């Protein structure tokens, strides 16, 4: 029977009582994985709660943190929850001005800093953050008064009682980075998060003994709820990845049984395996292609409620010969399920992951919905859909709000809907319906079986000169499946056709240039060379052949600089800041329309 939680304090007390000896957090130190048990985690939370009380933290205060995923991140979070304080996470990769804005906006009293460098940067912001009284450094030793270790020691000496939270108490503020303006603080109650976790208990098959490799940032709602809180509540283990660049190596070491990821990770896997396929011997490549084709036929037949003994036997043989080795190489060989969220995963990639023998469940939600609103699960799954409403929630499609003739705005109702944006009554008025629904800003539709399909963002859709609507994200995702492409932005608002700024995979682009006798230096000249451009034109055509004709990219420019957080063209959750990109490349985009043919268009 699924467990029901009212608050995150309930999650903490019940889970640590049930499995004190189970491994919870694994971190690689000095070349070896070291594990903190549920019991050790409880002790650390209890001690840190006492330390925070010693700093004057009380009910209703805000405790902030700037750190990547680590065990101390979770300890500080649950110390705050069990004290009645709200937790406010930030990214190490954010700019100082965003830290200052968030710290001032939420009136944080205490800040945990990942290291001394970040602590010093925050100290320089103290004048802008009048409520901030203490900056605690995570990595320093316990002999240093402003350290996390010293706070633990002092808390053990002067313990503080656990406070039972009420369902409506504020658990935390998660600041959405947004693509324009200042970040908005999303107020999530204990029940918002705990009820979301409880709903996942009803939907997913994860249990004590399961292990995940954690790399989604807990500062974002997807990683925080589904990975940290949900896996913790289920008695599972989380190995904290050393970094995205070490994922493959960490997979081999940890051999996870479940995995939470975003489409970007699955896209890289897709591109990586296709690169490996190109280097295989014809015989081995043929075997893999046969195995993938047979897996697809088997899935399609099962989807019709039918069964083929021949396909099943063939699958057993090919899985042992080929697919099991692929799963071993990429995932460690034990992965049962992969969960994708944060953005829409392309059908092609989802089917590919499914074909190699890993069941992918895609879900949907936003920070404002705690975040899960719909999910595919063992109870029901459709590739291409983002699932059905989770228990306790409801989805309504508002076609009038979208202005779209086919799809409408997705409106979410239920226990997962946020309390509102902090200090932003005007923004609250924009997103809440009169009866308490949350307007997501996403376009979509629900089929006859209750499955939701997301087709884009209302703010991102635009009209071409001919009056036809375009949603750029699906086009961009299709193009990014190419191993030759690192990133892309499609543009065409009030224009006759779509164009694109394409960030090439530089290694791949240089190989194309070398093969065609084109100099790779200087880089800008290489990226404008007609032979290189022609190869990319072929690639874009191949990967957008399923896109409607009027939506296809007719001209593009290859640009050397990727869109990043540092250059202001990406948000911390890796969404394009389209207005910033358009402003920066205004001249390039204008030239694409003026000289479409010269720029690589049709």
Protein backbone atom coordinates (compact mmCIF):
# COMPACT_ATOMS: atom_id res chain seq x y z
CA UNK A 1 0.00 0.00 0.00
CA UNK A 2 1.31 3.45 -0.97
CA UNK A 3 2.52 5.66 1.88
CA UNK A 4 0.74 8.99 2.41
CA UNK A 5 2.72 11.95 3.73
CA UNK A 6 1.27 15.29 4.81
CA UNK A 7 4.59 17.10 5.29
CA UNK A 8 8.29 16.70 4.59
CA UNK A 9 8.79 16.33 8.34
CA UNK A 10 6.64 13.18 8.09
CA UNK A 11 8.87 11.99 5.25
CA UNK A 12 11.93 12.52 7.44
CA UNK A 13 10.67 10.89 10.63
CA UNK A 14 9.01 7.87 9.03
CA UNK A 15 11.78 7.05 6.57
CA UNK A 16 14.72 7.39 8.95
CA UNK A 17 12.87 5.27 11.51
CA UNK A 18 12.12 2.54 8.97
CA UNK A 19 15.56 2.03 7.45
CA UNK A 20 18.35 3.42 9.68
CA UNK A 21 21.02 1.05 8.35
CA UNK A 22 20.25 1.49 4.63
CA UNK A 23 22.73 3.44 2.50
CA UNK A 24 21.29 6.82 1.52
CA UNK A 25 23.90 9.15 -0.02
CA UNK A 26 27.04 8.01 -1.79
CA UNK A 27 29.85 10.43 -2.63
CA UNK A 28 33.16 9.67 -4.28
CA UNK A 29 36.12 10.84 -2.21
CA UNK A 30 39.77 9.98 -2.77
CA UNK A 31 38.82 7.57 -5.55
CA UNK A 32 36.30 5.55 -3.49
CA UNK A 33 32.54 5.73 -2.94
CA UNK A 34 31.63 6.44 0.67
CA UNK A 35 28.08 6.12 1.95
CA UNK A 36 25.97 7.89 4.57
CA UNK A 37 23.19 5.72 6.01
CA UNK A 38 19.66 6.86 6.80
CA UNK A 39 20.54 6.70 10.51
CA UNK A 40 23.65 8.84 10.05
CA UNK A 41 21.60 11.29 8.01
CA UNK A 42 19.07 11.59 10.85
CA UNK A 43 21.84 12.29 13.35
CA UNK A 44 23.34 14.97 11.10
CA UNK A 45 19.93 16.64 10.60
CA UNK A 46 19.23 16.61 14.34
CA UNK A 47 22.65 18.11 15.09
CA UNK A 48 22.40 20.79 12.42
CA UNK A 49 18.92 21.74 13.64
CA UNK A 50 20.45 22.46 17.03
CA UNK A 51 23.22 24.46 15.37
CA UNK A 52 20.71 26.58 13.44
CA UNK A 53 18.76 27.34 16.60
CA UNK A 54 22.05 28.53 18.08
CA UNK A 55 22.30 30.99 15.19
CA UNK A 56 18.86 32.35 16.03
CA UNK A 57 16.90 30.57 13.29
CA UNK A 58 13.26 30.08 14.23
CA UNK A 59 9.87 29.28 12.72
CA UNK A 60 9.23 31.19 9.50
CA UNK A 61 12.85 32.17 8.87
CA UNK A 62 14.56 31.50 5.54
CA UNK A 63 17.68 29.33 5.26
CA UNK A 64 19.43 29.57 1.88
CA UNK A 65 22.14 27.53 0.19
CA UNK A 66 24.44 27.97 -2.80
CA UNK A 67 25.81 24.53 -3.61
CA UNK A 68 25.66 21.69 -6.06
CA UNK A 69 24.23 18.34 -4.95
CA UNK A 70 25.98 16.92 -1.89
CA UNK A 71 24.89 15.23 1.34
CA UNK A 72 25.21 18.50 3.29
CA UNK A 73 22.65 20.07 0.92
CA UNK A 74 20.04 17.53 2.02
CA UNK A 75 21.04 17.73 5.70
CA UNK A 76 20.60 21.51 5.69
CA UNK A 77 17.24 21.20 3.92
CA UNK A 78 15.76 18.77 6.41
CA UNK A 79 17.26 20.64 9.36
CA UNK A 80 15.36 23.71 8.16
CA UNK A 81 12.11 21.76 7.57
CA UNK A 82 12.20 20.17 11.01
CA UNK A 83 12.78 23.57 12.59
CA UNK A 84 9.88 25.30 10.85
CA UNK A 85 12.14 27.35 8.56
CA UNK A 86 11.88 27.51 4.77
CA UNK A 87 14.72 26.39 2.50
CA UNK A 88 15.90 28.49 -0.45
CA UNK A 89 18.35 26.81 -2.86
CA UNK A 90 20.49 28.52 -5.47
CA UNK A 91 22.92 27.31 -8.14
CA UNK A 92 26.68 27.66 -7.94
CA UNK A 93 26.56 28.63 -11.62
CA UNK A 94 24.28 31.64 -11.06
CA UNK A 95 25.58 35.17 -11.30
CA UNK A 96 26.27 37.14 -8.11
CA UNK A 97 23.53 39.64 -8.96
CA UNK A 98 20.95 36.82 -8.96
CA UNK A 99 22.22 35.55 -5.60
CA UNK A 100 21.89 39.08 -4.21
CA UNK A 101 18.38 39.50 -5.60
CA UNK A 102 17.19 36.16 -4.16
CA UNK A 103 18.80 36.66 -0.74
CA UNK A 104 17.25 40.11 -0.44
CA UNK A 105 13.85 39.08 -1.82
CA UNK A 106 13.42 36.15 0.57
CA UNK A 107 15.10 37.85 3.60
CA UNK A 108 17.40 34.87 4.19
CA UNK A 109 18.84 34.85 7.69
CA UNK A 110 21.45 32.09 7.13
CA UNK A 111 23.27 31.05 3.97
CA UNK A 112 25.22 27.84 3.42
CA UNK A 113 28.01 28.32 0.87
CA UNK A 114 29.60 25.39 -0.97
CA UNK A 115 33.16 26.64 -0.41
CA UNK A 116 35.23 29.56 0.77
CA UNK A 117 35.32 31.14 -2.69
CA UNK A 118 31.52 31.37 -2.83
CA UNK A 119 31.39 32.50 0.80
CA UNK A 120 33.71 35.42 -0.01
CA UNK A 121 31.61 36.39 -3.03
CA UNK A 122 28.50 36.41 -0.85
CA UNK A 123 30.27 38.47 1.83
CA UNK A 124 30.80 41.12 -0.85
CA UNK A 125 27.01 41.23 -1.31
CA UNK A 126 26.13 41.65 2.37
CA UNK A 127 25.26 45.35 1.99
CA UNK A 128 22.51 44.37 -0.49
CA UNK A 129 21.10 41.69 1.83
CA UNK A 130 20.27 43.35 5.16
CA UNK A 131 18.51 40.30 6.66
CA UNK A 132 21.50 37.98 6.12
CA UNK A 133 23.22 37.38 9.46
CA UNK A 134 25.37 34.27 8.96
CA UNK A 135 27.31 32.71 6.06
CA UNK A 136 28.27 29.09 6.81
CA UNK A 137 30.95 27.38 4.72
CA UNK A 138 30.37 23.71 3.95
CA UNK A 139 33.93 22.66 3.21
CA UNK A 140 35.76 24.20 6.18
CA UNK A 141 36.93 22.31 9.29
CA UNK A 142 35.11 22.29 12.64
CA UNK A 143 37.79 24.46 14.23
CA UNK A 144 36.61 27.37 12.08
CA UNK A 145 33.68 29.18 13.72
CA UNK A 146 31.78 29.85 10.50
CA UNK A 147 31.89 26.28 9.25
CA UNK A 148 29.20 23.64 8.73
CA UNK A 149 31.28 21.17 10.77
CA UNK A 150 31.43 23.57 13.72
CA UNK A 151 27.68 24.11 13.51
CA UNK A 152 27.10 20.33 13.65
CA UNK A 153 29.33 20.04 16.72
CA UNK A 154 27.61 22.90 18.53
CA UNK A 155 24.20 21.48 17.67
CA UNK A 156 25.13 18.08 19.11
CA UNK A 157 26.05 19.84 22.36
CA UNK A 158 22.82 21.87 22.47
CA UNK A 159 20.12 19.83 20.69
CA UNK A 160 16.82 21.35 19.58
CA UNK A 161 13.51 19.50 19.44
CA UNK A 162 11.97 18.55 16.10
CA UNK A 163 8.97 20.70 15.17
CA UNK A 164 5.99 19.05 13.49
CA UNK A 165 5.00 21.13 10.47
CA UNK A 166 1.45 21.93 9.43
CA UNK A 167 0.40 21.03 5.89
CA UNK A 168 0.14 24.65 4.82
CA UNK A 169 3.50 25.75 6.25
CA UNK A 170 6.00 27.09 3.73
CA UNK A 171 8.65 24.45 3.06
CA UNK A 172 10.71 26.38 0.58
CA UNK A 173 11.11 28.95 -2.13
CA UNK A 174 12.42 27.78 -5.48
CA UNK A 175 13.37 30.68 -7.71
CA UNK A 176 12.58 30.05 -11.35
CA UNK A 177 15.31 31.52 -13.48
CA UNK A 178 12.97 32.58 -16.25
CA UNK A 179 14.06 33.70 -19.69
CA UNK A 180 13.61 37.41 -18.93
CA UNK A 181 13.72 39.65 -15.85
CA UNK A 182 14.45 38.73 -12.25
CA UNK A 183 13.82 35.20 -10.97
CA UNK A 184 10.45 34.55 -9.32
CA UNK A 185 10.24 32.85 -5.95
CA UNK A 186 7.78 29.95 -6.09
CA UNK A 187 6.25 29.30 -2.67
CA UNK A 188 5.85 25.57 -2.07
CA UNK A 189 4.18 24.31 1.08
CA UNK A 190 4.98 21.12 2.95
CA UNK A 191 1.84 19.56 1.54
CA UNK A 192 2.64 20.67 -2.02
CA UNK A 193 5.85 18.64 -1.89
CA UNK A 194 4.76 15.80 0.40
CA UNK A 195 1.56 15.14 -1.54
CA UNK A 196 3.56 15.09 -4.77
CA UNK A 197 5.87 12.51 -3.21
CA UNK A 198 2.88 10.48 -1.99
CA UNK A 199 1.37 10.48 -5.48
CA UNK A 200 4.63 9.13 -6.87
CA UNK A 201 4.40 6.26 -4.36
CA UNK A 202 1.18 5.25 -6.08
CA UNK A 203 2.62 5.58 -9.59
CA UNK A 204 6.18 4.24 -9.66
CA UNK A 205 7.75 0.94 -8.70
CA UNK A 206 10.77 1.93 -6.63
CA UNK A 207 11.65 0.32 -3.33
CA UNK A 208 14.33 -0.06 -0.67
CA UNK A 209 17.42 -1.50 -2.35
CA UNK A 210 17.01 0.53 -5.54
CA UNK A 211 19.88 2.82 -6.42
CA UNK A 212 20.05 5.98 -8.52
CA UNK A 213 22.86 8.14 -9.84
CA UNK A 214 21.93 11.69 -8.87
CA UNK A 215 22.95 14.49 -11.19
CA UNK A 216 19.79 16.58 -11.63
CA UNK A 217 20.28 19.77 -9.58
CA UNK A 218 18.27 19.71 -6.35
CA UNK A 219 18.04 23.49 -6.64
CA UNK A 220 15.51 22.76 -9.39
CA UNK A 221 12.11 21.33 -8.49
CA UNK A 222 12.37 18.22 -10.70
CA UNK A 223 15.58 16.97 -9.12
CA UNK A 224 14.54 18.05 -5.64
CA UNK A 225 11.11 16.39 -5.55
CA UNK A 226 11.41 13.27 -7.67
CA UNK A 227 15.00 12.46 -6.88
CA UNK A 228 15.82 13.75 -3.41
CA UNK A 229 12.48 13.70 -1.56
CA UNK A 230 10.83 10.81 -3.42
CA UNK A 231 13.80 8.43 -3.46
CA UNK A 232 14.53 9.28 0.18
CA UNK A 233 10.91 8.55 1.11
CA UNK A 234 11.07 5.19 -0.67
CA UNK A 235 14.20 4.02 1.17
CA UNK A 236 16.34 4.03 -1.99
CA UNK A 237 20.01 5.02 -2.33
CA UNK A 238 21.40 8.02 -4.20
CA UNK A 239 24.97 8.14 -5.45
CA UNK A 240 25.83 11.78 -6.18
CA UNK A 241 27.54 12.04 -9.56
CA UNK A 242 30.95 13.68 -9.70
CA UNK A 243 29.77 15.76 -12.66
CA UNK A 244 27.96 15.46 -15.97
CA UNK A 245 31.29 14.75 -17.69
CA UNK A 246 31.77 11.70 -15.42
CA UNK A 247 28.28 10.20 -15.88
CA UNK A 248 29.36 7.24 -17.99
CA UNK A 249 32.18 6.29 -15.60
CA UNK A 250 29.95 6.76 -12.55
CA UNK A 251 27.23 4.61 -14.16
CA UNK A 252 29.73 1.77 -14.46
CA UNK A 253 30.75 2.11 -10.82
CA UNK A 254 27.30 2.57 -9.27
CA UNK A 255 25.25 0.40 -11.64
CA UNK A 256 21.96 2.18 -10.91
CA UNK A 257 18.62 0.40 -11.02
CA UNK A 258 16.61 3.61 -11.60
CA UNK A 259 17.56 6.88 -13.20
CA UNK A 260 16.02 10.36 -13.33
CA UNK A 261 17.22 12.50 -16.22
CA UNK A 262 16.29 15.22 -18.68
CA UNK A 263 16.02 14.78 -22.47
CA UNK A 264 19.42 16.40 -22.97
CA UNK A 265 21.06 13.36 -21.31
CA UNK A 266 19.08 10.87 -23.37
CA UNK A 267 19.85 12.85 -26.53
CA UNK A 268 23.57 12.57 -25.79
CA UNK A 269 23.18 8.83 -25.27
CA UNK A 270 21.33 8.57 -28.58
CA UNK A 271 24.04 10.53 -30.42
CA UNK A 272 26.82 8.65 -28.60
CA UNK A 273 25.56 5.21 -29.57
CA UNK A 274 25.07 6.27 -33.17
CA UNK A 275 28.68 7.45 -33.24
CA UNK A 276 29.76 4.06 -31.89
CA UNK A 277 27.64 2.32 -34.52
CA UNK A 278 29.50 4.15 -37.28
CA UNK A 279 32.79 2.73 -35.95
CA UNK A 280 31.49 -0.87 -35.62
CA UNK A 281 32.30 -3.65 -38.04
CA UNK A 282 29.52 -4.20 -40.61
CA UNK A 283 28.59 -7.51 -38.94
CA UNK A 284 28.25 -6.06 -35.45
CA UNK A 285 26.42 -2.98 -36.69
CA UNK A 286 24.01 -5.21 -38.59
CA UNK A 287 23.34 -7.26 -35.44
CA UNK A 288 22.60 -4.14 -33.41
CA UNK A 289 20.31 -2.73 -36.08
CA UNK A 290 18.50 -6.08 -36.27
CA UNK A 291 18.11 -6.13 -32.47
CA UNK A 292 16.70 -2.58 -32.42
CA UNK A 293 14.33 -3.31 -35.29
CA UNK A 294 13.07 -6.50 -33.63
CA UNK A 295 12.58 -4.68 -30.30
CA UNK A 296 10.50 -2.01 -32.05
CA UNK A 297 8.33 -4.62 -33.79
CA UNK A 298 7.88 -6.48 -30.50
CA UNK A 299 6.82 -3.27 -28.69
CA UNK A 300 4.38 -2.29 -31.44
CA UNK A 301 2.78 -5.75 -31.38
CA UNK A 302 2.46 -5.70 -27.59
CA UNK A 303 0.87 -2.26 -27.86
CA UNK A 304 -1.87 -3.90 -29.92
CA UNK A 305 -2.35 -6.54 -27.23
CA UNK A 306 -0.75 -9.22 -29.39
CA UNK A 307 2.18 -11.59 -28.92
CA UNK A 308 4.62 -13.25 -31.34
CA UNK A 309 6.61 -16.29 -30.10
CA UNK A 310 9.05 -15.76 -32.99
CA UNK A 311 9.75 -12.13 -32.10
CA UNK A 312 10.08 -13.03 -28.41
CA UNK A 313 12.60 -15.81 -29.15
CA UNK A 314 14.52 -13.56 -31.50
CA UNK A 315 14.54 -10.85 -28.82
CA UNK A 316 15.99 -13.25 -26.21
CA UNK A 317 18.86 -14.15 -28.52
CA UNK A 318 19.61 -10.62 -29.75
CA UNK A 319 19.24 -9.13 -26.28
CA UNK A 320 21.87 -11.50 -24.93
CA UNK A 321 24.20 -11.01 -27.89
CA UNK A 322 23.90 -7.24 -28.34
CA UNK A 323 21.45 -5.17 -26.30
CA UNK A 324 22.60 -6.36 -22.87
CA UNK A 325 26.12 -5.22 -23.77
CA UNK A 326 24.82 -1.78 -24.78
CA UNK A 327 23.00 -1.46 -21.45
CA UNK A 328 26.12 -2.57 -19.61
CA UNK A 329 28.28 -0.01 -21.42
CA UNK A 330 25.99 2.96 -20.95
CA UNK A 331 24.07 2.21 -17.74
CA UNK A 332 26.01 -0.42 -15.82
CA UNK A 333 23.69 -3.29 -16.71
CA UNK A 334 21.09 -3.13 -13.88
CA UNK A 335 18.87 -0.24 -14.95
CA UNK A 336 15.15 -1.12 -14.75
CA UNK A 337 13.54 2.25 -15.35
CA UNK A 338 14.51 5.70 -16.56
CA UNK A 339 12.33 8.72 -15.84
CA UNK A 340 12.50 11.76 -18.11
CA UNK A 341 11.22 15.22 -17.26
CA UNK A 342 12.06 18.90 -17.38
CA UNK A 343 11.30 19.11 -21.11
CA UNK A 344 9.72 16.96 -23.79
CA UNK A 345 11.76 14.00 -24.97
CA UNK A 346 11.47 13.28 -28.68
CA UNK A 347 9.55 10.18 -29.71
CA UNK A 348 12.55 8.95 -31.70
CA UNK A 349 14.86 9.08 -28.67
CA UNK A 350 12.26 7.58 -26.30
CA UNK A 351 11.65 4.68 -28.68
CA UNK A 352 15.39 4.19 -29.09
CA UNK A 353 15.99 3.95 -25.31
CA UNK A 354 13.02 1.60 -25.07
CA UNK A 355 14.42 -0.54 -27.90
CA UNK A 356 17.73 -1.09 -26.12
CA UNK A 357 15.78 -2.49 -23.17
CA UNK A 358 15.33 0.40 -20.73
CA UNK A 359 11.73 1.43 -20.03
CA UNK A 360 11.41 5.21 -20.14
CA UNK A 361 8.59 6.94 -18.28
CA UNK A 362 8.07 10.54 -19.24
CA UNK A 363 6.35 13.03 -16.96
CA UNK A 364 5.39 16.69 -17.00
CA UNK A 365 5.24 19.55 -14.58
CA UNK A 366 6.68 22.89 -13.57
CA UNK A 367 8.24 24.32 -10.44
CA UNK A 368 4.84 25.89 -9.78
CA UNK A 369 3.28 22.39 -9.67
CA UNK A 370 5.79 20.97 -7.19
CA UNK A 371 6.64 19.81 -9.99
CA UNK A 372 4.87 16.64 -11.18
CA UNK A 373 1.42 17.09 -12.74
CA UNK A 374 1.24 14.11 -15.10
CA UNK A 375 3.30 10.94 -15.52
CA UNK A 376 3.58 7.76 -17.48
CA UNK A 377 4.03 4.80 -15.17
CA UNK A 378 3.75 1.00 -14.98
CA UNK A 379 0.00 1.62 -14.70
CA UNK A 380 -0.09 3.13 -18.19
CA UNK A 381 2.37 4.51 -20.72
CA UNK A 382 2.29 6.07 -24.16
CA UNK A 383 5.51 7.08 -25.87
CA UNK A 384 5.09 10.65 -27.08
CA UNK A 385 2.68 11.55 -24.28
CA UNK A 386 3.70 12.94 -20.89
CA UNK A 387 1.27 10.68 -19.07
CA UNK A 388 -1.98 11.10 -17.18
CA UNK A 389 -2.72 13.34 -14.21
CA UNK A 390 -1.16 11.96 -11.03
CA UNK A 391 -3.48 11.13 -8.10
CA UNK A 392 -5.01 14.24 -6.57
CA UNK A 393 -4.56 16.45 -9.62
CA UNK A 394 -6.60 17.42 -12.66
CA UNK A 395 -5.72 18.78 -16.12
CA UNK A 396 -7.92 21.18 -18.10
CA UNK A 397 -7.15 22.44 -21.62
CA UNK A 398 -8.15 26.08 -22.18
CA UNK A 399 -8.27 26.72 -25.93
CA UNK A 400 -9.56 30.28 -25.56
CA UNK A 401 -6.45 31.35 -23.65
CA UNK A 402 -3.97 30.00 -26.17
CA UNK A 403 -5.22 31.60 -29.36
CA UNK A 404 -4.29 28.33 -31.03
CA UNK A 405 -6.92 26.76 -33.28
CA UNK A 406 -6.07 23.19 -32.29
CA UNK A 407 -4.33 23.07 -28.92
CA UNK A 408 -5.02 24.91 -25.69
CA UNK A 409 -3.23 26.12 -22.59
CA UNK A 410 -2.64 23.43 -19.99
CA UNK A 411 -4.24 24.38 -16.65
CA UNK A 412 -3.37 22.32 -13.55
CA UNK A 413 -5.55 21.82 -10.46
CA UNK A 414 -4.72 19.95 -7.28
CA UNK A 415 -2.51 19.56 -4.22
CA UNK A 416 0.59 20.31 -6.26
CA UNK A 417 -0.31 23.89 -7.21
CA UNK A 418 1.99 26.41 -5.51
CA UNK A 419 0.89 28.91 -2.88
CA UNK A 420 1.97 31.71 -5.24
CA UNK A 421 4.96 33.81 -6.24
CA UNK A 422 6.74 35.53 -3.36
CA UNK A 423 6.10 39.29 -3.23
CA UNK A 424 4.57 39.31 -6.74
CA UNK A 425 0.77 39.78 -6.49
CA UNK A 426 0.55 41.01 -10.09
CA UNK A 427 2.20 37.82 -11.36
CA UNK A 428 -0.11 35.70 -9.21
CA UNK A 429 -3.12 37.38 -10.80
CA UNK A 430 -1.82 36.41 -14.23
CA UNK A 431 -1.34 32.70 -13.54
CA UNK A 432 -4.20 31.70 -11.24
CA UNK A 433 -7.70 31.05 -12.52
CA UNK A 434 -10.69 32.20 -10.48
CA UNK A 435 -11.20 28.63 -9.22
CA UNK A 436 -7.57 28.01 -8.20
CA UNK A 437 -6.11 26.46 -11.33
CA UNK A 438 -2.57 27.24 -12.43
CA UNK A 439 -2.06 28.46 -15.98
CA UNK A 440 1.13 26.75 -17.12
CA UNK A 441 1.74 28.73 -20.30
CA UNK A 442 2.21 25.41 -22.10
CA UNK A 443 0.28 24.32 -25.16
CA UNK A 444 -1.14 20.83 -25.29
CA UNK A 445 -4.07 18.49 -25.63
CA UNK A 446 -5.49 15.46 -23.82
CA UNK A 447 -6.47 12.33 -25.76
CA UNK A 448 -9.50 10.10 -25.19
CA UNK A 449 -7.61 8.01 -22.61
CA UNK A 450 -6.54 10.99 -20.54
CA UNK A 451 -2.93 11.22 -21.78
CA UNK A 452 -1.50 14.71 -22.04
CA UNK A 453 0.59 15.81 -25.02
CA UNK A 454 2.69 18.99 -24.78
CA UNK A 455 3.21 20.82 -28.05
CA UNK A 456 5.07 23.97 -26.97
CA UNK A 457 5.02 27.18 -24.95
CA UNK A 458 2.48 29.90 -25.64
CA UNK A 459 5.16 32.57 -25.22
CA UNK A 460 7.50 30.74 -27.59
CA UNK A 461 5.00 30.09 -30.38
CA UNK A 462 4.83 32.69 -33.11
CA UNK A 463 3.21 33.35 -36.45
CA UNK A 464 4.99 33.45 -39.76
CA UNK A 465 4.05 36.14 -42.28
CA UNK A 466 1.55 33.71 -43.81
CA UNK A 467 -0.34 33.52 -40.48
CA UNK A 468 0.67 29.94 -39.68
CA UNK A 469 1.67 29.12 -36.11
CA UNK A 470 5.12 27.74 -35.32
CA UNK A 471 6.33 26.20 -32.06
CA UNK A 472 10.14 26.19 -32.30
CA UNK A 473 11.09 23.68 -29.56
CA UNK A 474 10.11 20.45 -31.39
CA UNK A 475 12.06 21.65 -34.45
CA UNK A 476 15.09 22.45 -32.29
CA UNK A 477 14.91 19.10 -30.50
CA UNK A 478 14.77 17.28 -33.84
CA UNK A 479 17.87 19.13 -35.07
CA UNK A 480 19.75 18.51 -31.82
CA UNK A 481 19.45 14.75 -32.36
CA UNK A 482 22.18 15.15 -34.97
CA UNK A 483 25.65 14.26 -33.62
CA UNK A 484 26.95 17.22 -35.65
CA UNK A 485 24.93 19.75 -33.60
CA UNK A 486 25.48 20.95 -30.04
CA UNK A 487 22.72 23.54 -29.83
CA UNK A 488 20.27 25.46 -31.99
CA UNK A 489 17.70 28.25 -31.90
CA UNK A 490 14.95 28.48 -34.52
CA UNK A 491 13.53 31.93 -35.32
CA UNK A 492 10.82 33.27 -37.62
CA UNK A 493 8.38 35.57 -35.84
CA UNK A 494 6.51 37.71 -38.42
CA UNK A 495 8.97 36.54 -41.05
CA UNK A 496 8.34 34.65 -44.31
CA UNK A 497 10.06 31.46 -43.13
CA UNK A 498 12.13 29.95 -40.32
CA UNK A 499 15.87 30.39 -39.96
CA UNK A 500 18.24 29.02 -37.33
CA UNK A 501 21.39 29.74 -35.40
CA UNK A 502 23.23 26.42 -35.21
CA UNK A 503 26.02 25.71 -32.72
CA UNK A 504 27.98 22.85 -34.29
CA UNK A 505 29.79 20.11 -32.46
CA UNK A 506 33.21 21.63 -33.14
CA UNK A 507 35.00 18.28 -33.23
CA UNK A 508 32.55 17.01 -35.84
CA UNK A 509 32.66 20.27 -37.82
CA UNK A 510 36.46 20.23 -37.95
CA UNK A 511 36.45 16.64 -39.17
CA UNK A 512 34.02 17.61 -41.94
CA UNK A 513 36.31 20.50 -42.90
CA UNK A 514 39.42 18.29 -42.93
CA UNK A 515 37.69 15.64 -45.03
CA UNK A 516 36.71 18.31 -47.56
CA UNK A 517 40.11 19.99 -47.61
CA UNK A 518 38.94 23.11 -45.76
CA UNK A 519 41.25 24.88 -43.29
CA UNK A 520 40.04 24.64 -39.69
CA UNK A 521 41.72 27.90 -38.68
CA UNK A 522 40.44 30.57 -38.37
CA UNK A 523 37.25 29.03 -36.99
CA UNK A 524 34.77 31.71 -38.25
CA UNK A 525 35.99 31.21 -41.81
CA UNK A 526 35.65 27.43 -41.50
CA UNK A 527 32.05 27.74 -40.31
CA UNK A 528 31.18 29.94 -43.32
CA UNK A 529 32.89 27.73 -45.89
CA UNK A 530 30.34 26.57 -48.51
CA UNK A 531 31.47 22.94 -48.25
CA UNK A 532 30.97 22.83 -44.48
CA UNK A 533 27.67 24.72 -44.74
CA UNK A 534 26.48 22.30 -47.43
CA UNK A 535 27.16 19.30 -45.18
CA UNK A 536 25.17 20.91 -42.38
CA UNK A 537 22.35 21.74 -44.82
CA UNK A 538 22.12 18.02 -45.61
CA UNK A 539 22.11 17.18 -41.90
CA UNK A 540 19.33 19.64 -41.04
CA UNK A 541 17.23 18.34 -43.92
CA UNK A 542 17.70 14.74 -42.77
CA UNK A 543 16.73 15.45 -39.16
CA UNK A 544 13.72 17.65 -39.97
CA UNK A 545 12.16 15.51 -42.71
CA UNK A 546 9.16 14.80 -40.45
CA UNK A 547 8.64 18.51 -39.75
CA UNK A 548 5.87 20.29 -41.68
CA UNK A 549 7.13 22.03 -44.81
CA UNK A 550 6.33 25.57 -43.69
CA UNK A 551 8.12 24.94 -40.36
CA UNK A 552 11.41 23.79 -41.85
CA UNK A 553 14.53 25.90 -41.56
CA UNK A 554 15.31 27.50 -44.91
CA UNK A 555 18.46 29.37 -43.90
CA UNK A 556 20.93 29.03 -41.06
CA UNK A 557 24.20 30.32 -39.70
CA UNK A 558 26.84 28.22 -37.97
CA UNK A 559 28.07 30.04 -34.87
CA UNK A 560 31.11 29.11 -32.78
CA UNK A 561 29.92 30.26 -29.34
CA UNK A 562 27.40 28.06 -27.55
CA UNK A 563 24.44 29.46 -25.61
CA UNK A 564 25.43 29.34 -21.95
CA UNK A 565 24.50 30.66 -18.53
CA UNK A 566 27.67 32.74 -18.43
CA UNK A 567 26.94 34.61 -21.65
CA UNK A 568 23.33 35.22 -20.58
CA UNK A 569 21.75 33.08 -23.29
CA UNK A 570 20.64 30.13 -21.14
CA UNK A 571 18.85 29.81 -17.83
CA UNK A 572 20.28 27.55 -15.07
CA UNK A 573 17.75 24.88 -16.07
CA UNK A 574 19.14 25.10 -19.62
CA UNK A 575 16.28 26.90 -21.38
CA UNK A 576 17.12 29.31 -24.18
CA UNK A 577 16.86 33.01 -23.36
CA UNK A 578 15.45 33.74 -26.80
CA UNK A 579 15.21 37.51 -26.48
CA UNK A 580 18.85 37.75 -25.43
CA UNK A 581 19.95 35.51 -28.31
CA UNK A 582 17.91 37.47 -30.85
CA UNK A 583 19.30 40.78 -29.55
CA UNK A 584 22.89 39.50 -29.69
CA UNK A 585 22.58 37.98 -33.17
CA UNK A 586 20.20 40.56 -34.65
CA UNK A 587 22.56 41.33 -37.52
CA UNK A 588 23.18 37.67 -38.32
CA UNK A 589 19.46 36.87 -38.35
CA UNK A 590 18.74 39.86 -40.57
CA UNK A 591 21.43 38.74 -43.01
CA UNK A 592 19.91 35.26 -43.17
CA UNK A 593 16.70 36.73 -44.58
CA UNK A 594 18.50 39.15 -46.87
CA UNK A 595 20.88 36.53 -48.24
CA UNK A 596 19.02 33.27 -47.59
CA UNK A 597 20.74 31.38 -50.35
CA UNK A 598 24.25 32.50 -49.42
CA UNK A 599 23.60 31.71 -45.75
CA UNK A 600 22.71 28.10 -46.48
CA UNK A 601 18.98 28.28 -47.15
CA UNK A 602 17.02 26.48 -49.85
